[in-house]
Amino acid sequence: MTEREDFKKLLKENGLKVTKQRLRVLEAIASCPEEHLTAEEIFALVKAEFPDIGLATVYRTIQRLNELHLIDKVNFDDGFARYEMGNTAEQKHHHHHLICMKCGMVISFQEDLLEELEEKIAGTAGFYVVNHEVKLYGYCKKCGGNLIEEKRKQ
C-alpha cells in the first residue's frame, strides 16, 4: 500500500471526505519528517502542486487534521505553531524534542524514558497518563562546543 493510499484510508476512517488538498497537506508534512513545518511552509509546499489553493483552506485543513490527531501541533516557544505527523498505532507517546537555545535547531528524540514515572503516578496518585510532551532546552554540538566534555569532568 502506498503512502497516499494509507492517507486516504486514514481520512476515511476519521469520517473525512478524501480531497486532493487534504491528501497533499498530509503528504507535505510527511515529506519532511525531521522538520516541524509552520502553516505557511505547508501552504508553500501544497501551493506548488495546487496553485489555486488558498491559505485559509490550508489552515482549516491543518486545524481539522490536528483535531483528529492525524497531525500534531508543537510549540517551541519561537512564536510559531508547527506541525508534524501524529502518532501511529505503534507509538505509545509522542517523541520528544531537544531545542538548541543558540541556533534554534530542533532534534527529535524517540526514546521514552518516562514509563517508570507514569507507572508510579498510576499506582500512587491513581492517575493514568495517556500522553506527555517533553521539550529539553540546551545547546547542540555545534553551539555547545565542548560543554558536554566540561560537564563530564565536573
C-alpha atoms as a PDB file:
ATOM      1  CA  MET A   1       0.000   0.000   0.000  1.00  0.00           C
ATOM      2  CA  THR A   2       1.357   3.436  -0.913  1.00  0.00           C
ATOM      3  CA  GLU A   3       1.583   6.365   1.478  1.00  0.00           C
ATOM      4  CA  ARG A   4      -1.196   8.090  -0.474  1.00  0.00           C
ATOM      5  CA  GLU A   5      -3.444   5.030  -0.069  1.00  0.00           C
ATOM      6  CA  ASP A   6      -2.628   4.972   3.661  1.00  0.00           C
ATOM      7  CA  PHE A   7      -3.616   8.638   3.915  1.00  0.00           C
ATOM      8  CA  LYS A   8      -6.867   8.032   2.026  1.00  0.00           C
ATOM      9  CA  LYS A   9      -7.714   5.218   4.424  1.00  0.00           C
ATOM     10  CA  LEU A  10      -6.822   7.408   7.429  1.00  0.00           C
ATOM     11  CA  LEU A  11      -9.090  10.209   6.235  1.00  0.00           C
ATOM     12  CA  LYS A  12     -11.998   7.835   5.586  1.00  0.00           C
ATOM     13  CA  GLU A  13     -11.575   6.107   8.965  1.00  0.00           C
ATOM     14  CA  ASN A  14     -11.842   9.518  10.627  1.00  0.00           C
ATOM     15  CA  GLY A  15     -15.008  10.467   8.781  1.00  0.00           C
ATOM     16  CA  LEU A  16     -13.399  12.960   6.413  1.00  0.00           C
ATOM     17  CA  LYS A  17     -14.010  13.271   2.720  1.00  0.00           C
ATOM     18  CA  VAL A  18     -10.861  12.438   0.768  1.00  0.00           C
ATOM     19  CA  THR A  19      -9.832  15.570  -1.117  1.00  0.00           C
ATOM     20  CA  LYS A  20      -6.697  16.364  -3.084  1.00  0.00           C
ATOM     21  CA  GLN A  21      -5.957  19.242  -0.717  1.00  0.00           C
ATOM     22  CA  ARG A  22      -6.192  17.102   2.425  1.00  0.00           C
ATOM     23  CA  LEU A  23      -4.041  14.422   0.861  1.00  0.00           C
ATOM     24  CA  ARG A  24      -1.466  16.974  -0.236  1.00  0.00           C
ATOM     25  CA  VAL A  25      -1.313  18.588   3.231  1.00  0.00           C
ATOM     26  CA  LEU A  26      -0.669  15.172   4.798  1.00  0.00           C
ATOM     27  CA  GLU A  27       1.918  14.354   2.131  1.00  0.00           C
ATOM     28  CA  ALA A  28       3.662  17.709   2.616  1.00  0.00           C
ATOM     29  CA  ILE A  29       4.011  17.149   6.365  1.00  0.00           C
ATOM     30  CA  ALA A  30       5.077  13.516   5.896  1.00  0.00           C
ATOM     31  CA  SER A  31       7.655  14.548   3.291  1.00  0.00           C
ATOM     32  CA  CYS A  32       9.597  16.496   5.931  1.00  0.00           C
ATOM     33  CA  PRO A  33       9.772  14.051   8.870  1.00  0.00           C
ATOM     34  CA  GLU A  34      12.698  15.771  10.581  1.00  0.00           C
ATOM     35  CA  GLU A  35      11.211  19.238  10.205  1.00  0.00           C
ATOM     36  CA  HIS A  36       8.405  20.868  12.099  1.00  0.00           C
ATOM     37  CA  LEU A  37       6.564  22.910   9.499  1.00  0.00           C
ATOM     38  CA  THR A  38       4.592  26.096  10.026  1.00  0.00           C
ATOM     39  CA  ALA A  39       1.230  26.514   8.302  1.00  0.00           C
ATOM     40  CA  GLU A  40       2.883  28.898   5.851  1.00  0.00           C
ATOM     41  CA  GLU A  41       5.579  26.335   4.994  1.00  0.00           C
ATOM     42  CA  ILE A  42       2.906  23.671   4.460  1.00  0.00           C
ATOM     43  CA  PHE A  43       0.970  26.146   2.316  1.00  0.00           C
ATOM     44  CA  ALA A  44       4.051  26.774   0.133  1.00  0.00           C
ATOM     45  CA  LEU A  45       4.561  23.027  -0.393  1.00  0.00           C
ATOM     46  CA  VAL A  46       0.896  22.454  -1.271  1.00  0.00           C
ATOM     47  CA  LYS A  47       0.654  25.570  -3.463  1.00  0.00           C
ATOM     48  CA  ALA A  48       3.457  24.238  -5.666  1.00  0.00           C
ATOM     49  CA  GLU A  49       1.086  21.470  -6.786  1.00  0.00           C
ATOM     50  CA  PHE A  50      -2.223  23.344  -6.367  1.00  0.00           C
ATOM     51  CA  PRO A  51      -1.562  27.000  -7.318  1.00  0.00           C
ATOM     52  CA  ASP A  52      -5.213  27.964  -6.767  1.00  0.00           C
ATOM     53  CA  ILE A  53      -5.352  26.772  -3.150  1.00  0.00           C
ATOM     54  CA  GLY A  54      -5.845  29.476  -0.537  1.00  0.00           C
ATOM     55  CA  LEU A  55      -4.026  29.866   2.753  1.00  0.00           C
ATOM     56  CA  ALA A  56      -7.371  29.732   4.587  1.00  0.00           C
ATOM     57  CA  THR A  57      -8.059  26.273   3.097  1.00  0.00           C
ATOM     58  CA  VAL A  58      -4.690  25.034   4.318  1.00  0.00           C
ATOM     59  CA  TYR A  59      -5.319  26.500   7.794  1.00  0.00           C
ATOM     60  CA  ARG A  60      -8.761  24.830   8.002  1.00  0.00           C
ATOM     61  CA  THR A  61      -7.326  21.524   6.809  1.00  0.00           C
ATOM     62  CA  ILE A  62      -4.490  21.681   9.344  1.00  0.00           C
ATOM     63  CA  GLN A  63      -6.930  22.515  12.135  1.00  0.00           C
ATOM     64  CA  ARG A  64      -9.207  19.591  11.274  1.00  0.00           C
ATOM     65  CA  LEU A  65      -6.318  17.117  10.899  1.00  0.00           C
ATOM     66  CA  ASN A  66      -4.942  18.286  14.250  1.00  0.00           C
ATOM     67  CA  GLU A  67      -8.345  17.895  15.956  1.00  0.00           C
ATOM     68  CA  LEU A  68      -8.401  14.289  14.742  1.00  0.00           C
ATOM     69  CA  HIS A  69      -4.798  13.750  15.931  1.00  0.00           C
ATOM     70  CA  LEU A  70      -3.682  12.838  12.417  1.00  0.00           C
ATOM     71  CA  ILE A  71      -1.092  15.587  12.778  1.00  0.00           C
ATOM     72  CA  ASP A  72       0.302  17.141  15.937  1.00  0.00           C
ATOM     73  CA  LYS A  73       0.740  20.800  16.759  1.00  0.00           C
ATOM     74  CA  VAL A  74       4.010  21.581  18.518  1.00  0.00           C
ATOM     75  CA  ASN A  75       5.258  24.784  20.066  1.00  0.00           C
ATOM     76  CA  PHE A  76       8.940  25.545  20.512  1.00  0.00           C
ATOM     77  CA  ASP A  77       8.387  28.947  22.112  1.00  0.00           C
ATOM     78  CA  ASP A  78       9.510  30.745  18.958  1.00  0.00           C
ATOM     79  CA  GLY A  79       6.166  32.367  18.191  1.00  0.00           C
ATOM     80  CA  PHE A  80       5.111  29.808  15.565  1.00  0.00           C
ATOM     81  CA  ALA A  81       2.730  26.868  15.678  1.00  0.00           C
ATOM     82  CA  ARG A  82       4.431  23.974  13.954  1.00  0.00           C
ATOM     83  CA  TYR A  83       3.085  20.652  12.749  1.00  0.00           C
ATOM     84  CA  GLU A  84       4.311  17.096  12.391  1.00  0.00           C
ATOM     85  CA  MET A  85       2.706  13.752  11.655  1.00  0.00           C
ATOM     86  CA  GLY A  86       0.631  12.380  14.528  1.00  0.00           C
ATOM     87  CA  ASN A  87       1.291   9.215  16.463  1.00  0.00           C
ATOM     88  CA  THR A  88       0.990   5.927  14.697  1.00  0.00           C
ATOM     89  CA  ALA A  89      -0.721   2.999  16.370  1.00  0.00           C
ATOM     90  CA  GLU A  90       2.667   1.528  17.325  1.00  0.00           C
ATOM     91  CA  GLN A  91       3.742   4.624  19.252  1.00  0.00           C
ATOM     92  CA  LYS A  92       2.520   4.990  22.814  1.00  0.00           C
ATOM     93  CA  HIS A  93       3.671   8.592  23.177  1.00  0.00           C
ATOM     94  CA  HIS A  94       4.923  11.476  21.166  1.00  0.00           C
ATOM     95  CA  HIS A  95       8.587  11.705  20.591  1.00  0.00           C
ATOM     96  CA  HIS A  96      10.406  14.402  22.481  1.00  0.00           C
ATOM     97  CA  HIS A  97      12.265  17.465  21.280  1.00  0.00           C
ATOM     98  CA  LEU A  98      15.719  18.799  22.061  1.00  0.00           C
ATOM     99  CA  ILE A  99      15.883  22.530  21.353  1.00  0.00           C
ATOM    100  CA  CYS A 100      19.138  24.455  20.951  1.00  0.00           C
ATOM    101  CA  MET A 101      18.879  27.799  22.735  1.00  0.00           C
ATOM    102  CA  LYS A 102      21.508  29.373  20.475  1.00  0.00           C
ATOM    103  CA  CYS A 103      20.714  28.357  16.892  1.00  0.00           C
ATOM    104  CA  GLY A 104      17.134  27.128  17.392  1.00  0.00           C
ATOM    105  CA  MET A 105      17.787  23.698  15.897  1.00  0.00           C
ATOM    106  CA  VAL A 106      15.228  21.087  16.953  1.00  0.00           C
ATOM    107  CA  ILE A 107      16.207  17.442  17.275  1.00  0.00           C
ATOM    108  CA  SER A 108      13.554  14.758  17.671  1.00  0.00           C
ATOM    109  CA  PHE A 109      14.310  12.254  20.429  1.00  0.00           C
ATOM    110  CA  GLN A 110      12.455   8.949  20.143  1.00  0.00           C
ATOM    111  CA  GLU A 111      13.283   7.136  23.373  1.00  0.00           C
ATOM    112  CA  ASP A 112      10.591   7.166  26.049  1.00  0.00           C
ATOM    113  CA  LEU A 113      12.238   7.330  29.453  1.00  0.00           C
ATOM    114  CA  LEU A 114       9.144   8.219  31.458  1.00  0.00           C
ATOM    115  CA  GLU A 115       7.322   4.869  31.547  1.00  0.00           C
ATOM    116  CA  GLU A 116       8.521   4.081  35.077  1.00  0.00           C
ATOM    117  CA  LEU A 117       7.367   7.505  36.293  1.00  0.00           C
ATOM    118  CA  GLU A 118       3.966   7.004  34.653  1.00  0.00           C
ATOM    119  CA  GLU A 119       3.554   3.633  36.374  1.00  0.00           C
ATOM    120  CA  LYS A 120       4.438   5.211  39.733  1.00  0.00           C
ATOM    121  CA  ILE A 121       1.909   8.010  39.139  1.00  0.00           C
ATOM    122  CA  ALA A 122      -0.774   5.440  38.302  1.00  0.00           C
ATOM    123  CA  GLY A 123      -0.003   3.460  41.462  1.00  0.00           C
ATOM    124  CA  THR A 124       0.333   6.324  43.922  1.00  0.00           C
ATOM    125  CA  ALA A 125      -1.976   9.004  42.561  1.00  0.00           C
ATOM    126  CA  GLY A 126      -4.485   6.825  40.735  1.00  0.00           C
ATOM    127  CA  PHE A 127      -3.876   8.875  37.597  1.00  0.00           C
ATOM    128  CA  TYR A 128      -3.367   7.078  34.294  1.00  0.00           C
ATOM    129  CA  VAL A 129      -1.096   9.034  31.929  1.00  0.00           C
ATOM    130  CA  VAL A 130      -2.023   8.570  28.275  1.00  0.00           C
ATOM    131  CA  ASN A 131       0.386  11.057  26.769  1.00  0.00           C
ATOM    132  CA  HIS A 132       3.044  13.623  27.508  1.00  0.00           C
ATOM    133  CA  GLU A 133       5.257  16.125  25.753  1.00  0.00           C
ATOM    134  CA  VAL A 134       8.841  16.800  26.712  1.00  0.00           C
ATOM    135  CA  LYS A 135      10.964  19.686  25.460  1.00  0.00           C
ATOM    136  CA  LEU A 136      14.559  19.857  26.632  1.00  0.00           C
ATOM    137  CA  TYR A 137      16.463  23.105  26.147  1.00  0.00           C
ATOM    138  CA  GLY A 138      20.225  23.286  25.828  1.00  0.00           C
ATOM    139  CA  TYR A 139      22.919  23.509  23.177  1.00  0.00           C
ATOM    140  CA  CYS A 140      23.564  21.349  20.121  1.00  0.00           C
ATOM    141  CA  LYS A 141      27.069  20.025  19.433  1.00  0.00           C
ATOM    142  CA  LYS A 142      27.827  22.901  17.091  1.00  0.00           C
ATOM    143  CA  CYS A 143      26.740  25.637  19.519  1.00  0.00           C
ATOM    144  CA  GLY A 144      27.722  23.950  22.762  1.00  0.00           C
ATOM    145  CA  GLY A 145      31.236  23.174  21.666  1.00  0.00           C
ATOM    146  CA  ASN A 146      32.881  21.336  24.485  1.00  0.00           C
ATOM    147  CA  LEU A 147      30.130  21.858  27.112  1.00  0.00           C
ATOM    148  CA  ILE A 148      29.432  18.119  27.297  1.00  0.00           C
ATOM    149  CA  GLU A 149      33.100  17.320  27.978  1.00  0.00           C
ATOM    150  CA  GLU A 150      33.325  20.065  30.592  1.00  0.00           C
ATOM    151  CA  LYS A 151      30.164  18.760  32.292  1.00  0.00           C
ATOM    152  CA  ARG A 152      31.542  15.200  32.389  1.00  0.00           C
ATOM    153  CA  LYS A 153      34.737  16.399  34.068  1.00  0.00           C
ATOM    154  CA  GLN A 154      32.812  18.063  36.926  1.00  0.00           C
END
